[in-house]
Amino acid sequence: MKECSNSTLIKINPGFQEKTFQPLKKGRSNLGGKSSLIIFFSLNLAADCNAVLKALQPIFQEQGMTETVHNWEDHGYLVTYIKKNGSFANLRIHPHGLVLVDLQSYNNDMKGREEVDQLLNKVEERMKELIHGNIKRVKRLPAILRGGVIDRYWPTADGRLVEYDIDEVVYDEDSPFQNIKILHSKQFGNILILSGDVNLAESDLAYTQAIMGSGKEDYTGKEVLILGGGDGGILYEIVKLKPKMVTMVEIDQMVIDGCKKHMRKTCGDVLDNLKGDCYQVLIEDCIPVLKRYAKEGRMFDYVINDLTAVPISTSPEEDSTWEFLRLILDLSMKVLKQDGKYFTQGNCINLTDALTLYEEQLSRLYCPVEFSKETVCVPSYMELWVFYTIWKKQTDI
């Protein structure tokens, strides 16, 4: 899971997660809301603002739109066109050679979309007639839907906004620890989203395989500890490999409840019961459990940390985040056998500073460790993701 689902909750990307999203209604598949379409023209020469305005005015006036013109002399024009049905357009003409039209409309039916396309087509034709061969680039951006019943827009770890093909809210509940959403995507199946962060989709077996060692490990007869992993994906895949015992520690029962009902392509039936022939699921905070196991001298062949991504923010107020990660690492090393392996996700490959800082933490543990990493494409993340394998350094006696 990208988002922390166990122990202390950590904001991975405060800039996005502090946004307030509109409540979603389960089972709704219509998008609703207001759409915003943008077309812009980048010119090879300075724009004659007055000429552009006069050329485009008739197009909007034909629609019965009321015009308001703002002229900033050397800074061009901002013209607003308003229609009686609440639709409006902003025309911005920059003297340096940029002309932008932002058309916002509540018409989401086919007829409304056709009318918008026709208007933008007329704008494009008129600009080409006026500027002749001096348009360097014309770009029409897809409609952005604001205030819709279903939120289709979610940020990547490196701050880009991605529009998913989400068509249904399957599950939306608040637990004592986080908001839990499961949304359906046409491409990726059901997607688990925790506190605004895309965690795992039914398409994302690549994530689960990577955090288990990418098929290079033999789990037969081994003792395995999973930290977090409430979607059940790791547990489901490891149980197939005939381990001696898998212990999964997940703090949020509601994540398990939502996933065992709506993410069955990921978890199968493994979450239907908290105990099986070779596994047990503990609904607890992982830190006291790790401390207890360390005190008891219990050791594992594999520890898989599926709690949280490497923090994106590295500002001073986030120091506690690194302390949390280092605490988990230290405690995990204490319950890891000398020849055991610790697997965890890192972060988006673009966040090189955060990854470097994480690797610096590895040199500050109570025992010396070595590590390797690999980059994997996780389908629903729409970005390359880094995974770490960490082990205790063998010392000569």
Protein backbone atom coordinates (compact mmCIF):
# COMPACT_ATOMS: atom_id res chain seq x y z
CA MET A 1 0.00 0.00 0.00
CA LYS A 2 1.24 3.47 -0.83
CA GLU A 3 -0.63 5.02 2.06
CA CYS A 4 0.09 4.13 5.66
CA SER A 5 -2.57 1.68 6.81
CA ASN A 6 -0.99 0.62 10.08
CA SER A 7 0.39 2.33 13.17
CA THR A 8 1.00 6.09 12.87
CA LEU A 9 -0.80 7.62 9.89
CA ILE A 10 1.54 9.62 7.67
CA LYS A 11 0.65 12.21 5.05
CA ILE A 12 2.55 11.20 1.96
CA ASN A 13 1.76 14.31 -0.06
CA PRO A 14 0.28 17.01 2.16
CA GLY A 15 -0.26 19.39 -0.74
CA PHE A 16 -2.83 17.05 -2.24
CA GLN A 17 -4.13 15.11 0.74
CA GLU A 18 -5.26 18.16 2.64
CA LYS A 19 -7.78 18.87 -0.11
CA THR A 20 -11.39 18.33 0.78
CA PHE A 21 -13.04 16.03 -1.73
CA GLN A 22 -16.78 16.01 -2.31
CA PRO A 23 -18.55 13.10 -0.60
CA LEU A 24 -19.24 10.32 -3.07
CA LYS A 25 -22.41 8.29 -3.29
CA LYS A 26 -21.98 4.56 -3.73
CA GLY A 27 -23.30 3.01 -6.89
CA ARG A 28 -23.54 6.25 -8.87
CA SER A 29 -22.13 6.03 -12.38
CA ASN A 30 -23.17 9.34 -13.94
CA LEU A 31 -20.47 11.98 -13.83
CA GLY A 32 -22.50 15.17 -13.41
CA GLY A 33 -20.78 18.44 -12.57
CA LYS A 34 -19.38 21.19 -14.75
CA SER A 35 -17.02 20.51 -17.63
CA SER A 36 -14.20 22.81 -18.67
CA LEU A 37 -12.68 22.64 -22.17
CA ILE A 38 -9.64 24.62 -23.21
CA ILE A 39 -8.19 25.44 -26.60
CA PHE A 40 -5.10 27.58 -27.01
CA PHE A 41 -3.11 28.99 -29.91
CA SER A 42 0.62 29.65 -29.72
CA LEU A 43 1.63 32.10 -32.45
CA ASN A 44 4.88 32.70 -34.28
CA LEU A 45 4.46 36.45 -33.95
CA ALA A 46 3.04 39.04 -31.58
CA ALA A 47 -0.74 39.04 -31.44
CA ASP A 48 -2.84 41.94 -32.69
CA CYS A 49 -5.15 41.76 -29.68
CA ASN A 50 -7.82 44.05 -31.12
CA ALA A 51 -7.93 42.13 -34.42
CA VAL A 52 -8.23 38.77 -32.64
CA LEU A 53 -11.04 40.08 -30.45
CA LYS A 54 -13.02 41.46 -33.41
CA ALA A 55 -12.57 38.21 -35.33
CA LEU A 56 -13.84 35.99 -32.51
CA GLN A 57 -16.62 38.22 -31.12
CA PRO A 58 -19.29 37.13 -33.64
CA ILE A 59 -18.87 33.44 -32.73
CA PHE A 60 -19.84 34.04 -29.12
CA GLN A 61 -22.47 36.64 -29.93
CA GLU A 62 -24.23 34.10 -32.18
CA GLN A 63 -24.66 31.96 -29.08
CA GLY A 64 -26.54 34.75 -27.32
CA MET A 65 -23.71 35.29 -24.86
CA THR A 66 -23.23 38.56 -23.00
CA GLU A 67 -19.78 40.08 -23.42
CA THR A 68 -17.59 41.83 -20.83
CA VAL A 69 -14.23 43.18 -22.03
CA HIS A 70 -11.23 43.97 -19.85
CA ASN A 71 -8.35 45.77 -21.57
CA TRP A 72 -4.95 46.08 -19.88
CA GLU A 73 -3.29 48.08 -22.65
CA ASP A 74 0.13 46.42 -22.98
CA HIS A 75 -1.10 43.20 -21.34
CA GLY A 76 -3.87 42.27 -23.74
CA TYR A 77 -7.53 41.40 -23.24
CA LEU A 78 -9.63 39.25 -20.94
CA VAL A 79 -13.13 38.84 -22.36
CA THR A 80 -15.91 36.97 -20.55
CA TYR A 81 -18.93 35.61 -22.39
CA ILE A 82 -21.91 34.46 -20.32
CA LYS A 83 -24.92 32.47 -21.48
CA LYS A 84 -28.32 32.46 -19.79
CA ASN A 85 -28.00 28.76 -18.90
CA GLY A 86 -24.92 29.49 -16.77
CA SER A 87 -22.31 28.43 -19.31
CA PHE A 88 -19.49 30.89 -19.87
CA ALA A 89 -16.26 31.35 -21.78
CA ASN A 90 -13.07 33.21 -20.94
CA LEU A 91 -11.10 34.54 -23.89
CA ARG A 92 -7.57 35.61 -22.97
CA ILE A 93 -5.46 37.35 -25.62
CA HIS A 94 -1.80 37.89 -24.72
CA PRO A 95 0.22 40.35 -26.84
CA HIS A 96 3.26 38.05 -26.92
CA GLY A 97 1.33 35.55 -29.04
CA LEU A 98 -0.88 33.32 -26.89
CA VAL A 99 -4.66 33.10 -27.32
CA LEU A 100 -6.61 30.92 -24.90
CA VAL A 101 -10.32 30.02 -24.72
CA ASP A 102 -11.65 28.31 -21.58
CA LEU A 103 -15.27 27.18 -22.07
CA GLN A 104 -17.15 25.98 -18.99
CA SER A 105 -20.54 24.33 -19.33
CA TYR A 106 -23.05 22.26 -17.41
CA ASN A 107 -24.15 20.50 -20.60
CA ASN A 108 -22.92 16.93 -20.20
CA ASP A 109 -25.31 15.24 -22.61
CA MET A 110 -24.29 14.40 -26.17
CA LYS A 111 -26.09 17.38 -27.65
CA GLY A 112 -24.37 19.77 -25.24
CA ARG A 113 -20.93 18.32 -26.00
CA GLU A 114 -21.57 18.61 -29.74
CA GLU A 115 -22.51 22.29 -29.35
CA VAL A 116 -19.28 22.95 -27.44
CA ASP A 117 -17.20 21.14 -30.06
CA GLN A 118 -18.86 23.12 -32.84
CA LEU A 119 -18.13 26.41 -31.09
CA LEU A 120 -14.46 25.51 -30.58
CA ASN A 121 -14.23 24.36 -34.20
CA LYS A 122 -15.44 27.79 -35.30
CA VAL A 123 -12.89 29.49 -33.05
CA GLU A 124 -10.11 27.37 -34.54
CA GLU A 125 -11.23 28.03 -38.14
CA ARG A 126 -11.50 31.78 -37.54
CA MET A 127 -8.05 31.93 -35.94
CA LYS A 128 -6.50 30.08 -38.88
CA GLU A 129 -8.16 32.50 -41.30
CA LEU A 130 -6.94 35.50 -39.32
CA ILE A 131 -3.37 34.40 -38.53
CA HIS A 132 -2.82 32.45 -41.77
CA GLY A 133 0.36 30.36 -41.47
CA ASN A 134 1.65 31.94 -38.27
CA ILE A 135 0.08 29.58 -35.76
CA LYS A 136 2.92 27.59 -34.22
CA ARG A 137 0.70 25.25 -32.24
CA VAL A 138 -2.98 24.59 -31.63
CA LYS A 139 -3.86 22.46 -28.61
CA ARG A 140 -7.30 21.39 -27.48
CA LEU A 141 -7.34 19.88 -24.01
CA PRO A 142 -9.89 17.23 -22.96
CA ALA A 143 -12.74 18.37 -20.76
CA ILE A 144 -12.00 18.59 -17.05
CA LEU A 145 -15.05 17.76 -14.95
CA ARG A 146 -15.41 19.77 -11.74
CA GLY A 147 -17.73 18.95 -8.85
CA GLY A 148 -18.86 15.65 -10.32
CA VAL A 149 -20.52 12.90 -8.31
CA ILE A 150 -17.53 10.68 -9.11
CA ASP A 151 -14.02 12.05 -8.61
CA ARG A 152 -11.90 10.85 -11.52
CA TYR A 153 -8.78 12.92 -10.75
CA TRP A 154 -6.04 11.65 -8.45
CA PRO A 155 -2.44 12.85 -8.02
CA THR A 156 0.63 10.78 -8.73
CA ALA A 157 3.38 10.68 -6.12
CA ASP A 158 5.42 13.24 -8.05
CA GLY A 159 2.58 15.76 -8.20
CA ARG A 160 1.01 15.17 -11.63
CA LEU A 161 -2.76 15.03 -11.89
CA VAL A 162 -4.10 11.90 -13.58
CA GLU A 163 -7.64 11.39 -14.83
CA TYR A 164 -8.77 7.81 -14.32
CA ASP A 165 -11.60 6.13 -16.21
CA ILE A 166 -13.57 5.71 -13.00
CA ASP A 167 -17.27 5.06 -13.59
CA GLU A 168 -18.58 3.90 -10.20
CA VAL A 169 -18.10 4.40 -6.48
CA VAL A 170 -18.09 0.89 -5.04
CA TYR A 171 -17.25 1.70 -1.40
CA ASP A 172 -16.72 4.93 0.53
CA GLU A 173 -16.39 4.87 4.31
CA ASP A 174 -14.41 6.58 7.06
CA SER A 175 -12.62 4.31 9.52
CA PRO A 176 -11.10 5.57 12.79
CA PHE A 177 -7.80 5.84 10.90
CA GLN A 178 -8.51 6.99 7.34
CA ASN A 179 -11.00 7.44 4.54
CA ILE A 180 -11.40 4.27 2.50
CA LYS A 181 -12.61 4.38 -1.08
CA ILE A 182 -12.90 1.61 -3.60
CA LEU A 183 -13.66 2.97 -7.07
CA HIS A 184 -14.21 1.01 -10.26
CA SER A 185 -12.02 1.68 -13.29
CA LYS A 186 -12.77 0.25 -16.72
CA GLN A 187 -9.06 -0.47 -17.26
CA PHE A 188 -7.80 -1.37 -13.81
CA GLY A 189 -10.80 -2.93 -12.08
CA ASN A 190 -11.58 -1.87 -8.53
CA ILE A 191 -9.03 0.54 -7.04
CA LEU A 192 -8.36 0.96 -3.32
CA ILE A 193 -7.78 4.60 -2.36
CA LEU A 194 -6.81 5.51 1.20
CA SER A 195 -7.06 9.14 2.33
CA GLY A 196 -6.78 10.39 -1.24
CA ASP A 197 -3.86 8.15 -2.25
CA VAL A 198 -4.17 5.43 -4.90
CA ASN A 199 -2.98 2.25 -3.17
CA LEU A 200 -3.71 -0.80 -5.27
CA ALA A 201 -5.97 -1.88 -8.11
CA GLU A 202 -7.06 -5.34 -9.13
CA SER A 203 -4.75 -4.92 -12.13
CA ASP A 204 -1.65 -4.43 -9.95
CA LEU A 205 -0.27 -7.94 -9.49
CA ALA A 206 3.08 -6.45 -10.54
CA TYR A 207 3.17 -4.47 -7.27
CA THR A 208 2.47 -7.56 -5.18
CA GLN A 209 5.05 -9.66 -7.00
CA ALA A 210 7.70 -6.94 -6.69
CA ILE A 211 7.25 -6.48 -2.95
CA MET A 212 7.56 -10.27 -2.54
CA GLY A 213 10.90 -10.45 -4.36
CA SER A 214 9.78 -10.72 -7.99
CA GLY A 215 9.52 -14.50 -8.00
CA LYS A 216 13.14 -15.07 -6.92
CA GLU A 217 12.35 -16.30 -3.40
CA ASP A 218 11.37 -19.73 -2.11
CA TYR A 219 8.71 -19.29 0.57
CA THR A 220 8.20 -23.01 1.11
CA GLY A 221 8.22 -23.79 4.82
CA LYS A 222 9.23 -20.22 5.74
CA GLU A 223 8.07 -17.87 8.50
CA VAL A 224 6.77 -14.61 7.01
CA LEU A 225 5.67 -11.35 8.64
CA ILE A 226 3.57 -8.84 6.67
CA LEU A 227 3.23 -5.30 8.06
CA GLY A 228 0.05 -3.71 6.76
CA GLY A 229 -1.18 -5.25 3.54
CA GLY A 230 -4.87 -4.82 4.34
CA ASP A 231 -5.90 -5.39 0.72
CA GLY A 232 -4.87 -9.03 1.17
CA GLY A 233 -2.89 -9.24 -2.06
CA ILE A 234 0.46 -10.23 -0.53
CA LEU A 235 -1.12 -12.70 1.87
CA TYR A 236 -3.09 -14.34 -0.94
CA GLU A 237 -0.04 -14.80 -3.15
CA ILE A 238 2.27 -16.06 -0.38
CA VAL A 239 -0.22 -18.62 0.93
CA LYS A 240 -0.13 -20.24 -2.52
CA LEU A 241 3.63 -20.83 -2.04
CA LYS A 242 3.18 -23.16 0.97
CA PRO A 243 4.92 -21.22 3.76
CA LYS A 244 5.12 -22.59 7.28
CA MET A 245 3.26 -19.59 8.72
CA VAL A 246 2.39 -16.07 7.58
CA THR A 247 1.51 -13.44 10.18
CA MET A 248 -0.11 -10.29 8.83
CA VAL A 249 -0.50 -7.26 11.13
CA GLU A 250 -3.09 -4.72 9.91
CA ILE A 251 -4.55 -2.02 12.12
CA ASP A 252 -7.66 -1.18 10.10
CA GLN A 253 -10.39 -3.81 10.11
CA MET A 254 -12.50 -1.68 7.75
CA VAL A 255 -9.85 -1.89 5.03
CA ILE A 256 -9.99 -5.68 5.30
CA ASP A 257 -13.80 -5.66 5.30
CA GLY A 258 -13.99 -3.47 2.21
CA CYS A 259 -11.35 -5.41 0.29
CA LYS A 260 -12.63 -8.90 1.04
CA LYS A 261 -15.96 -7.84 -0.47
CA HIS A 262 -14.86 -5.60 -3.35
CA MET A 263 -11.22 -6.57 -4.16
CA ARG A 264 -11.57 -10.33 -4.51
CA LYS A 265 -9.51 -10.46 -7.69
CA THR A 266 -6.65 -9.27 -5.47
CA CYS A 267 -7.25 -11.13 -2.20
CA GLY A 268 -9.32 -14.13 -3.27
CA ASP A 269 -10.94 -15.69 -0.20
CA VAL A 270 -7.93 -15.30 2.10
CA LEU A 271 -9.50 -12.44 4.10
CA ASP A 272 -12.78 -14.30 4.71
CA ASN A 273 -11.22 -15.70 7.88
CA LEU A 274 -8.52 -14.18 10.06
CA LYS A 275 -6.92 -17.59 10.54
CA GLY A 276 -6.06 -20.34 8.08
CA ASP A 277 -3.93 -23.45 7.95
CA CYS A 278 -0.74 -21.45 7.40
CA TYR A 279 -1.65 -17.84 8.21
CA GLN A 280 -3.10 -15.52 10.80
CA VAL A 281 -4.23 -11.89 10.56
CA LEU A 282 -3.79 -9.69 13.64
CA ILE A 283 -5.88 -6.52 13.82
CA GLU A 284 -3.29 -4.54 15.77
CA ASP A 285 -0.80 -1.70 15.61
CA CYS A 286 2.38 -3.23 14.20
CA ILE A 287 4.84 -1.38 16.47
CA PRO A 288 3.77 -3.04 19.76
CA VAL A 289 3.62 -6.37 17.92
CA LEU A 290 7.17 -5.95 16.60
CA LYS A 291 8.42 -4.96 20.06
CA ARG A 292 6.71 -8.00 21.58
CA TYR A 293 8.17 -10.36 19.00
CA ALA A 294 11.66 -8.87 19.49
CA LYS A 295 11.39 -9.36 23.25
CA GLU A 296 10.19 -12.94 22.80
CA GLY A 297 13.02 -13.66 20.36
CA ARG A 298 10.64 -14.62 17.56
CA MET A 299 12.38 -14.55 14.18
CA PHE A 300 11.17 -14.51 10.57
CA ASP A 301 12.68 -15.54 7.26
CA TYR A 302 10.93 -12.64 5.52
CA VAL A 303 9.49 -9.34 6.70
CA ILE A 304 7.40 -7.50 4.12
CA ASN A 305 6.64 -3.86 4.91
CA ASP A 306 3.51 -2.75 3.05
CA LEU A 307 2.80 0.20 5.33
CA THR A 308 3.75 3.42 3.61
CA ALA A 309 5.77 4.95 0.80
CA VAL A 310 8.94 6.92 1.38
CA PRO A 311 7.83 10.43 2.42
CA ILE A 312 7.69 12.99 -0.37
CA SER A 313 7.98 16.02 1.90
CA THR A 314 11.43 16.40 3.46
CA SER A 315 10.77 19.62 5.37
CA PRO A 316 11.74 19.83 9.07
CA GLU A 317 8.19 19.22 10.28
CA GLU A 318 8.33 15.80 8.58
CA ASP A 319 11.24 14.58 10.71
CA SER A 320 8.83 12.35 12.65
CA THR A 321 8.06 10.53 9.41
CA TRP A 322 11.68 9.46 9.01
CA GLU A 323 11.82 8.51 12.67
CA PHE A 324 8.76 6.33 12.14
CA LEU A 325 10.28 4.63 9.12
CA ARG A 326 13.58 4.07 10.92
CA LEU A 327 11.74 2.64 13.95
CA ILE A 328 9.93 0.15 11.71
CA LEU A 329 13.22 -0.77 10.04
CA ASP A 330 15.08 -1.25 13.33
CA LEU A 331 12.31 -3.35 14.84
CA SER A 332 12.03 -5.39 11.66
CA MET A 333 15.75 -6.11 11.66
CA LYS A 334 15.46 -7.34 15.25
CA VAL A 335 12.91 -9.99 14.23
CA LEU A 336 14.62 -10.86 10.91
CA LYS A 337 16.83 -13.92 10.79
CA GLN A 338 20.50 -13.35 10.01
CA ASP A 339 19.99 -14.70 6.49
CA GLY A 340 16.48 -13.26 6.14
CA LYS A 341 15.21 -10.58 3.76
CA TYR A 342 13.15 -7.45 4.26
CA PHE A 343 11.04 -6.24 1.35
CA THR A 344 9.38 -2.86 1.01
CA GLN A 345 8.22 -0.38 -1.58
CA GLY A 346 10.08 2.87 -2.03
CA ASN A 347 8.51 5.57 -4.11
CA CYS A 348 8.07 6.98 -7.60
CA ILE A 349 11.31 6.81 -9.58
CA ASN A 350 11.11 10.57 -10.24
CA LEU A 351 11.45 11.38 -6.53
CA THR A 352 15.19 10.86 -6.43
CA ASP A 353 15.77 13.09 -3.39
CA ALA A 354 13.25 11.19 -1.28
CA LEU A 355 14.72 7.86 -2.36
CA THR A 356 18.23 9.05 -1.51
CA LEU A 357 17.10 10.19 1.93
CA TYR A 358 15.48 6.81 2.52
CA GLU A 359 18.70 5.04 1.60
CA GLU A 360 20.56 7.30 4.03
CA GLN A 361 18.29 6.02 6.80
CA LEU A 362 19.51 2.49 6.08
CA SER A 363 23.00 3.51 7.21
CA ARG A 364 21.61 4.67 10.56
CA LEU A 365 20.07 1.40 11.77
CA TYR A 366 21.25 -0.43 14.86
CA CYS A 367 22.85 -3.10 12.67
CA PRO A 368 24.67 -2.74 9.33
CA VAL A 369 22.56 -3.65 6.31
CA GLU A 370 22.91 -3.92 2.55
CA PHE A 371 20.23 -3.39 -0.05
CA SER A 372 19.25 -3.70 -3.68
CA LYS A 373 16.40 -2.11 -5.58
CA GLU A 374 14.40 -2.57 -8.74
CA THR A 375 11.96 -0.44 -10.69
CA VAL A 376 8.58 -1.84 -11.66
CA CYS A 377 5.70 -0.45 -13.69
CA VAL A 378 2.55 -0.65 -11.58
CA PRO A 379 -0.43 -0.26 -13.96
CA SER A 380 -2.81 1.88 -11.92
CA TYR A 381 -0.05 4.16 -10.57
CA MET A 382 0.76 5.30 -14.13
CA GLU A 383 4.34 5.78 -12.99
CA LEU A 384 7.42 3.63 -12.37
CA TRP A 385 7.79 2.52 -8.75
CA VAL A 386 10.94 1.57 -6.82
CA PHE A 387 11.07 -1.51 -4.54
CA TYR A 388 13.79 -2.38 -2.02
CA THR A 389 15.28 -5.63 -0.76
CA ILE A 390 17.24 -5.18 2.49
CA TRP A 391 19.29 -7.74 4.42
CA LYS A 392 21.69 -7.83 7.34
CA LYS A 393 25.31 -7.40 6.37
CA GLN A 394 27.33 -10.54 6.95
CA THR A 395 30.27 -9.79 9.24
CA ASP A 396 33.38 -11.89 9.63
CA ILE A 397 33.81 -13.33 13.10
